[in-house]
Amino acid sequence: MLKGERLRVAILLIGLTALLLTTACAPRPHVEEKQVVKVGYIACLTGPAAAIMQVGWRNLVDYLKYF
């Protein structure tokens, strides 16, 4: 590489690093966030175990609606 190209690359890298650091350290605007509760449940609602699992699934859905 030529000296001029090395200088351009060095300036570009320094500028990019400075830009990334200043944007990464900038404070976020305060936004009131809503609390969300996520519930994950995997149930066998089809197949041989469906007769047993659907009752439990309906109970869980009703409980989560109540909660």
N, C-alpha and C. Protein backbone atom coordinates (compact mmCIF):
# COMPACT_ATOMS: atom_id res chain seq x y z
N MET A 1 0.84 -1.18 0.00
CA MET A 1 0.00 0.00 0.00
C MET A 1 0.88 1.24 0.00
N LEU A 2 0.36 2.25 -0.56
CA LEU A 2 1.07 3.52 -0.55
C LEU A 2 0.81 4.24 0.77
N LYS A 3 1.68 5.21 1.08
CA LYS A 3 1.52 5.94 2.33
C LYS A 3 0.20 6.72 2.36
N GLY A 4 -0.21 7.26 1.23
CA GLY A 4 -1.47 8.01 1.17
C GLY A 4 -2.67 7.13 1.45
N GLU A 5 -2.64 5.90 0.95
CA GLU A 5 -3.75 4.97 1.20
C GLU A 5 -3.80 4.56 2.66
N ARG A 6 -2.64 4.33 3.25
CA ARG A 6 -2.59 3.96 4.66
C ARG A 6 -3.14 5.09 5.52
N LEU A 7 -2.81 6.30 5.17
CA LEU A 7 -3.30 7.45 5.93
C LEU A 7 -4.82 7.55 5.81
N ARG A 8 -5.35 7.37 4.62
CA ARG A 8 -6.80 7.42 4.41
C ARG A 8 -7.51 6.32 5.20
N VAL A 9 -6.96 5.12 5.16
CA VAL A 9 -7.56 4.00 5.89
C VAL A 9 -7.50 4.26 7.39
N ALA A 10 -6.38 4.78 7.88
CA ALA A 10 -6.24 5.06 9.30
C ALA A 10 -7.24 6.13 9.74
N ILE A 11 -7.40 7.19 8.95
CA ILE A 11 -8.36 8.23 9.30
C ILE A 11 -9.78 7.69 9.26
N LEU A 12 -10.07 6.87 8.28
CA LEU A 12 -11.39 6.26 8.18
C LEU A 12 -11.68 5.37 9.39
N LEU A 13 -10.71 4.57 9.80
CA LEU A 13 -10.90 3.68 10.95
C LEU A 13 -11.06 4.47 12.24
N ILE A 14 -10.29 5.52 12.42
CA ILE A 14 -10.41 6.34 13.62
C ILE A 14 -11.78 7.03 13.65
N GLY A 15 -12.21 7.54 12.52
CA GLY A 15 -13.52 8.19 12.46
C GLY A 15 -14.65 7.22 12.73
N LEU A 16 -14.57 6.04 12.15
CA LEU A 16 -15.61 5.03 12.36
C LEU A 16 -15.64 4.60 13.82
N THR A 17 -14.48 4.40 14.42
CA THR A 17 -14.42 4.01 15.83
C THR A 17 -15.00 5.09 16.71
N ALA A 18 -14.67 6.34 16.45
CA ALA A 18 -15.21 7.45 17.24
C ALA A 18 -16.72 7.54 17.08
N LEU A 19 -17.20 7.36 15.87
CA LEU A 19 -18.64 7.41 15.63
C LEU A 19 -19.37 6.30 16.38
N LEU A 20 -18.83 5.09 16.33
CA LEU A 20 -19.47 3.97 17.02
C LEU A 20 -19.45 4.16 18.53
N LEU A 21 -18.35 4.67 19.07
CA LEU A 21 -18.27 4.87 20.51
C LEU A 21 -19.21 5.97 20.99
N THR A 22 -19.32 7.05 20.25
CA THR A 22 -20.19 8.13 20.68
C THR A 22 -21.67 7.74 20.58
N THR A 23 -22.04 6.97 19.58
CA THR A 23 -23.44 6.57 19.48
C THR A 23 -23.77 5.46 20.47
N ALA A 24 -22.81 4.62 20.80
CA ALA A 24 -23.06 3.53 21.74
C ALA A 24 -23.18 4.06 23.17
N CYS A 25 -22.51 5.15 23.48
CA CYS A 25 -22.52 5.70 24.83
C CYS A 25 -23.59 6.76 25.03
N ALA A 26 -24.33 7.10 24.01
CA ALA A 26 -25.36 8.13 24.13
C ALA A 26 -26.51 7.61 24.97
N PRO A 27 -27.07 8.43 25.85
CA PRO A 27 -28.18 7.97 26.68
C PRO A 27 -29.45 7.81 25.85
N ARG A 28 -30.23 6.81 26.21
CA ARG A 28 -31.51 6.59 25.53
C ARG A 28 -32.55 7.52 26.11
N PRO A 29 -33.50 7.94 25.31
CA PRO A 29 -34.59 8.74 25.86
C PRO A 29 -35.45 7.88 26.79
N HIS A 30 -35.89 8.47 27.88
CA HIS A 30 -36.67 7.72 28.87
C HIS A 30 -38.09 7.51 28.35
N VAL A 31 -38.44 6.26 28.18
CA VAL A 31 -39.78 5.90 27.71
C VAL A 31 -40.36 4.93 28.74
N GLU A 32 -41.56 5.25 29.19
CA GLU A 32 -42.22 4.36 30.14
C GLU A 32 -42.60 3.07 29.43
N GLU A 33 -42.01 1.98 29.88
CA GLU A 33 -42.25 0.69 29.23
C GLU A 33 -43.30 -0.09 30.00
N LYS A 34 -44.15 -0.75 29.27
CA LYS A 34 -45.20 -1.56 29.86
C LYS A 34 -44.62 -2.91 30.23
N GLN A 35 -44.94 -3.39 31.43
CA GLN A 35 -44.45 -4.69 31.87
C GLN A 35 -45.25 -5.79 31.19
N VAL A 36 -44.56 -6.73 30.58
CA VAL A 36 -45.20 -7.82 29.85
C VAL A 36 -44.71 -9.14 30.43
N VAL A 37 -45.63 -10.01 30.70
CA VAL A 37 -45.29 -11.35 31.18
C VAL A 37 -45.58 -12.32 30.05
N LYS A 38 -44.57 -13.07 29.64
CA LYS A 38 -44.76 -14.05 28.59
C LYS A 38 -44.72 -15.45 29.20
N VAL A 39 -45.69 -16.26 28.84
CA VAL A 39 -45.78 -17.62 29.35
C VAL A 39 -45.65 -18.56 28.17
N GLY A 40 -44.70 -19.46 28.26
CA GLY A 40 -44.54 -20.44 27.20
C GLY A 40 -45.00 -21.81 27.67
N TYR A 41 -45.72 -22.51 26.83
CA TYR A 41 -46.22 -23.83 27.18
C TYR A 41 -46.38 -24.63 25.90
N ILE A 42 -45.78 -25.78 25.86
CA ILE A 42 -45.90 -26.64 24.69
C ILE A 42 -46.81 -27.81 25.09
N ALA A 43 -47.89 -27.96 24.39
CA ALA A 43 -48.84 -29.01 24.72
C ALA A 43 -49.13 -29.85 23.49
N CYS A 44 -49.39 -31.12 23.72
CA CYS A 44 -49.81 -32.02 22.64
C CYS A 44 -51.32 -31.89 22.49
N LEU A 45 -51.75 -31.05 21.57
CA LEU A 45 -53.18 -30.84 21.39
C LEU A 45 -53.76 -31.70 20.27
N THR A 46 -52.90 -32.46 19.62
CA THR A 46 -53.35 -33.41 18.62
C THR A 46 -52.62 -34.72 18.86
N GLY A 47 -53.13 -35.77 18.32
CA GLY A 47 -52.46 -37.05 18.45
C GLY A 47 -53.00 -37.87 19.60
N PRO A 48 -52.27 -38.93 20.01
CA PRO A 48 -52.77 -39.83 21.04
C PRO A 48 -52.94 -39.19 22.42
N ALA A 49 -52.12 -38.20 22.75
CA ALA A 49 -52.20 -37.60 24.08
C ALA A 49 -53.17 -36.42 24.14
N ALA A 50 -53.87 -36.14 23.07
CA ALA A 50 -54.72 -34.95 23.00
C ALA A 50 -55.87 -34.99 24.01
N ALA A 51 -56.44 -36.16 24.22
CA ALA A 51 -57.58 -36.25 25.14
C ALA A 51 -57.20 -35.83 26.55
N ILE A 52 -56.02 -36.13 26.96
CA ILE A 52 -55.57 -35.78 28.31
C ILE A 52 -55.08 -34.33 28.36
N MET A 53 -54.34 -33.91 27.36
CA MET A 53 -53.68 -32.60 27.39
C MET A 53 -54.64 -31.43 27.16
N GLN A 54 -55.74 -31.63 26.44
CA GLN A 54 -56.63 -30.52 26.15
C GLN A 54 -57.31 -29.99 27.41
N VAL A 55 -57.59 -30.86 28.36
CA VAL A 55 -58.20 -30.42 29.61
C VAL A 55 -57.22 -29.53 30.37
N GLY A 56 -55.98 -29.95 30.46
CA GLY A 56 -54.96 -29.14 31.13
C GLY A 56 -54.70 -27.83 30.41
N TRP A 57 -54.73 -27.87 29.10
CA TRP A 57 -54.53 -26.65 28.30
C TRP A 57 -55.64 -25.65 28.57
N ARG A 58 -56.89 -26.11 28.58
CA ARG A 58 -58.02 -25.20 28.85
C ARG A 58 -57.93 -24.62 30.26
N ASN A 59 -57.51 -25.43 31.22
CA ASN A 59 -57.35 -24.93 32.59
C ASN A 59 -56.27 -23.87 32.64
N LEU A 60 -55.18 -24.08 31.93
CA LEU A 60 -54.09 -23.10 31.92
C LEU A 60 -54.53 -21.80 31.27
N VAL A 61 -55.26 -21.88 30.17
CA VAL A 61 -55.74 -20.67 29.51
C VAL A 61 -56.70 -19.90 30.43
N ASP A 62 -57.60 -20.61 31.10
CA ASP A 62 -58.51 -19.96 32.03
C ASP A 62 -57.76 -19.30 33.19
N TYR A 63 -56.76 -19.99 33.72
CA TYR A 63 -55.97 -19.40 34.81
C TYR A 63 -55.23 -18.15 34.36
N LEU A 64 -54.66 -18.19 33.16
CA LEU A 64 -53.94 -17.02 32.67
C LEU A 64 -54.88 -15.84 32.41
N LYS A 65 -56.09 -16.11 31.96
CA LYS A 65 -57.09 -15.04 31.81
C LYS A 65 -57.44 -14.45 33.17
N TYR A 66 -57.57 -15.32 34.19
CA TYR A 66 -57.88 -14.85 35.53
C TYR A 66 -56.73 -14.02 36.10
N PHE A 67 -55.54 -14.50 35.87
CA PHE A 67 -54.34 -13.84 36.41
C PHE A 67 -54.19 -12.47 35.78
